[in-house]
Amino acid sequence: MRVATPRSAGVWTAVAVVIVASAAIAAQQDQPERFGFGRPATEAEIAAWDIDVTPDGTGLPPGGGTAVEGRSIYVEKCEICHGAHGEGRPFSQLVGREPRQGFPFGNQPSLVRTIGNYWPFAPTLYDYTFRTMPFDEPGTLEPDEVYALTAFLLYLNDIVAEDDVIDANTLPRVQMPARDKFVGDNRRGGRELR
């Protein structure tokens, strides 16, 4: 049995580098400009996927709802996963304002994060609900249903009144208890992603 020496190991490393470099160059040369399938997306196709809502409310659709309207939708579509009063079981707890003072989540990881004590921006609650709920049929809720559910969840967390109308104008003005507890991403420069 022959043992590799530092010199023979260096030779094999050089051979491996040459092989990898040759393969990379060959791969670049063999790529066609187009693959001959697919087509550019239409404006309607892009619009169907462009449904995000930003923290300032940009992207909120027309419509509206109240907690009173949201209660029946919650019972029908949300209660089975989140409990009758948003207490969780089997999935995430949605309701809870404790702790009302401070923001000790970093020091006390056992604290439960809810809409009422941790969610920083109300419009993103709409966004998350619209895109991902209900769990077994995500994306099936109509905008009015999502506004009503958002109003109901904010009401359960003592953030809005039961008869407050939540819509594209009022939702961005809702002051969430944890709003100033997060540091905004103010990085500028570099390539903007879109």
Protein backbone atom coordinates (compact mmCIF):
# COMPACT_ATOMS: atom_id res chain seq x y z
CA MET A 1 0.00 0.00 0.00
CA ARG A 2 1.36 3.35 -1.02
CA VAL A 3 0.92 6.37 1.27
CA ALA A 4 0.18 9.77 -0.27
CA THR A 5 2.94 12.28 0.18
CA PRO A 6 2.46 16.03 0.34
CA ARG A 7 3.79 16.22 -3.21
CA SER A 8 1.36 13.61 -4.62
CA ALA A 9 -1.56 15.23 -2.72
CA GLY A 10 -0.70 18.55 -4.35
CA VAL A 11 -0.73 16.93 -7.79
CA TRP A 12 -4.19 15.44 -7.20
CA THR A 13 -5.49 18.79 -5.93
CA ALA A 14 -4.21 20.48 -9.10
CA VAL A 15 -5.86 17.80 -11.26
CA ALA A 16 -9.17 18.27 -9.41
CA VAL A 17 -9.03 22.06 -9.89
CA VAL A 18 -8.39 21.66 -13.63
CA ILE A 19 -11.31 19.22 -14.00
CA VAL A 20 -13.75 21.45 -12.09
CA ALA A 21 -12.67 24.58 -13.99
CA SER A 22 -12.99 22.77 -17.34
CA ALA A 23 -16.49 21.55 -16.44
CA ALA A 24 -17.57 25.07 -15.43
CA ILE A 25 -16.30 26.57 -18.68
CA ALA A 26 -17.98 23.84 -20.73
CA ALA A 27 -21.28 24.34 -18.88
CA GLN A 28 -21.25 28.06 -19.66
CA GLN A 29 -20.57 27.47 -23.33
CA ASP A 30 -23.32 24.87 -23.71
CA GLN A 31 -26.17 27.00 -22.29
CA PRO A 32 -28.66 28.21 -24.90
CA GLU A 33 -29.94 31.77 -24.71
CA ARG A 34 -33.50 30.40 -24.43
CA PHE A 35 -34.67 26.93 -23.56
CA GLY A 36 -37.62 26.93 -25.97
CA PHE A 37 -40.45 26.65 -23.45
CA GLY A 38 -42.44 28.99 -21.25
CA ARG A 39 -43.52 32.55 -21.93
CA PRO A 40 -43.45 35.90 -20.16
CA ALA A 41 -46.13 36.25 -17.47
CA THR A 42 -49.12 38.43 -18.37
CA GLU A 43 -50.05 41.50 -16.33
CA ALA A 44 -53.14 39.62 -15.03
CA GLU A 45 -51.00 36.67 -13.88
CA ILE A 46 -48.60 38.99 -12.09
CA ALA A 47 -51.49 40.89 -10.45
CA ALA A 48 -52.98 37.61 -9.17
CA TRP A 49 -49.75 36.89 -7.27
CA ASP A 50 -48.96 40.48 -6.26
CA ILE A 51 -51.14 40.48 -3.14
CA ASP A 52 -48.73 41.52 -0.40
CA VAL A 53 -49.65 44.23 2.09
CA THR A 54 -46.89 46.30 3.67
CA PRO A 55 -46.75 47.62 7.26
CA ASP A 56 -47.95 51.06 6.11
CA GLY A 57 -51.04 49.54 4.45
CA THR A 58 -49.86 49.72 0.86
CA GLY A 59 -51.61 46.93 -1.02
CA LEU A 60 -54.77 46.77 1.09
CA PRO A 61 -57.75 46.07 -1.18
CA PRO A 62 -61.18 47.71 -1.17
CA GLY A 63 -63.63 46.34 1.38
CA GLY A 64 -64.15 46.43 5.10
CA GLY A 65 -65.62 44.76 8.14
CA THR A 66 -66.27 44.94 11.87
CA ALA A 67 -65.64 42.62 14.80
CA VAL A 68 -69.37 41.91 14.95
CA GLU A 69 -69.22 40.56 11.37
CA GLY A 70 -65.94 38.77 12.04
CA ARG A 71 -67.25 36.76 15.01
CA SER A 72 -69.31 34.33 12.88
CA ILE A 73 -66.51 33.93 10.33
CA TYR A 74 -64.07 33.16 13.16
CA VAL A 75 -66.43 30.54 14.64
CA GLU A 76 -66.86 28.88 11.22
CA LYS A 77 -63.29 28.99 9.91
CA CYS A 78 -60.82 29.68 12.75
CA GLU A 79 -62.13 28.39 16.07
CA ILE A 80 -61.28 24.75 15.37
CA CYS A 81 -57.56 25.60 15.26
CA HIS A 82 -57.27 28.65 17.52
CA GLY A 83 -59.94 28.03 20.17
CA ALA A 84 -63.23 29.76 20.91
CA HIS A 85 -61.54 32.89 22.27
CA GLY A 86 -58.22 32.79 20.40
CA GLU A 87 -56.51 30.97 23.27
CA GLY A 88 -54.82 28.49 20.94
CA ARG A 89 -55.18 24.73 20.94
CA PRO A 90 -54.17 23.03 18.89
CA PHE A 91 -52.47 25.86 16.99
CA SER A 92 -51.15 29.33 17.88
CA GLN A 93 -52.64 31.49 20.59
CA LEU A 94 -53.94 34.69 18.99
CA VAL A 95 -55.24 36.62 21.97
CA GLY A 96 -53.33 37.94 24.94
CA ARG A 97 -51.97 41.28 26.05
CA GLU A 98 -49.68 40.17 28.87
CA PRO A 99 -47.13 41.42 29.59
CA ARG A 100 -48.60 44.89 29.22
CA GLN A 101 -45.46 46.60 30.49
CA GLY A 102 -42.06 46.30 28.87
CA PHE A 103 -41.11 43.88 26.16
CA PRO A 104 -39.28 41.02 27.92
CA PHE A 105 -39.52 38.42 25.15
CA GLY A 106 -35.76 38.30 24.68
CA ASN A 107 -35.15 37.60 28.37
CA GLN A 108 -38.16 35.34 28.88
CA PRO A 109 -38.51 33.07 25.83
CA SER A 110 -41.35 31.13 27.49
CA LEU A 111 -43.71 34.11 27.07
CA VAL A 112 -46.37 33.52 24.43
CA ARG A 113 -46.27 35.94 21.50
CA THR A 114 -49.75 36.98 20.38
CA ILE A 115 -51.37 39.58 18.16
CA GLY A 116 -52.05 41.70 21.24
CA ASN A 117 -48.57 41.73 22.72
CA TYR A 118 -46.11 41.12 19.89
CA TRP A 119 -47.57 41.93 16.44
CA PRO A 120 -46.13 45.31 15.39
CA PHE A 121 -48.31 46.44 12.43
CA ALA A 122 -52.04 45.86 11.94
CA PRO A 123 -51.95 45.82 8.09
CA THR A 124 -49.60 42.84 8.13
CA LEU A 125 -52.16 40.91 10.20
CA TYR A 126 -54.52 41.37 7.24
CA ASP A 127 -51.76 40.26 4.86
CA TYR A 128 -50.90 37.11 6.80
CA THR A 129 -54.55 36.11 7.24
CA PHE A 130 -55.41 36.76 3.58
CA ARG A 131 -52.53 34.73 2.19
CA THR A 132 -52.32 31.83 4.65
CA MET A 133 -55.68 31.19 6.30
CA PRO A 134 -57.64 29.11 6.91
CA PHE A 135 -54.95 26.48 7.34
CA ASP A 136 -56.75 23.86 5.24
CA GLU A 137 -57.81 26.31 2.49
CA PRO A 138 -55.34 29.21 2.34
CA GLY A 139 -56.22 32.11 0.08
CA THR A 140 -59.96 31.35 -0.01
CA LEU A 141 -61.15 34.24 2.16
CA GLU A 142 -62.65 37.29 0.47
CA PRO A 143 -61.27 40.74 1.40
CA ASP A 144 -64.40 41.66 3.40
CA GLU A 145 -64.06 38.42 5.40
CA VAL A 146 -60.40 39.16 6.14
CA TYR A 147 -61.18 42.72 7.23
CA ALA A 148 -63.92 41.39 9.53
CA LEU A 149 -61.63 38.69 10.96
CA THR A 150 -58.87 41.24 11.48
CA ALA A 151 -61.33 43.52 13.28
CA PHE A 152 -62.50 40.61 15.46
CA LEU A 153 -58.95 39.61 16.41
CA LEU A 154 -58.01 43.21 17.19
CA TYR A 155 -61.20 43.52 19.28
CA LEU A 156 -60.40 40.33 21.24
CA ASN A 157 -57.00 41.86 22.02
CA ASP A 158 -58.55 45.12 23.32
CA ILE A 159 -57.10 47.16 20.46
CA VAL A 160 -60.27 48.30 18.62
CA ALA A 161 -63.94 48.58 19.56
CA GLU A 162 -66.44 45.95 18.49
CA ASP A 163 -68.21 48.29 16.06
CA ASP A 164 -65.10 49.96 14.57
CA VAL A 165 -65.00 49.59 10.80
CA ILE A 166 -61.69 48.19 9.63
CA ASP A 167 -60.77 48.95 6.02
CA ALA A 168 -57.87 50.20 3.90
CA ASN A 169 -58.12 53.67 5.48
CA THR A 170 -58.55 52.72 9.14
CA LEU A 171 -56.34 49.64 9.47
CA PRO A 172 -53.00 51.45 8.91
CA ARG A 173 -53.98 53.93 11.67
CA VAL A 174 -54.46 51.19 14.28
CA GLN A 175 -51.71 51.54 16.88
CA MET A 176 -50.51 48.10 17.89
CA PRO A 177 -49.12 47.77 21.44
CA ALA A 178 -45.77 46.46 20.15
CA ARG A 179 -45.42 48.98 17.32
CA ASP A 180 -42.34 50.78 18.76
CA LYS A 181 -40.69 47.61 20.02
CA PHE A 182 -39.17 46.66 16.68
CA VAL A 183 -36.31 48.32 14.82
CA GLY A 184 -37.19 49.24 11.27
CA ASP A 185 -34.93 48.15 8.46
CA ASN A 186 -33.51 51.45 7.26
CA ARG A 187 -30.66 50.08 5.19
CA ARG A 188 -30.22 51.96 1.94
CA GLY A 189 -27.89 51.52 -0.96
CA GLY A 190 -26.95 48.44 -2.82
CA ARG A 191 -29.14 46.70 -5.30
CA GLU A 192 -32.88 47.00 -4.60
CA LEU A 193 -34.76 43.74 -4.92
CA ARG A 194 -38.15 43.80 -6.57
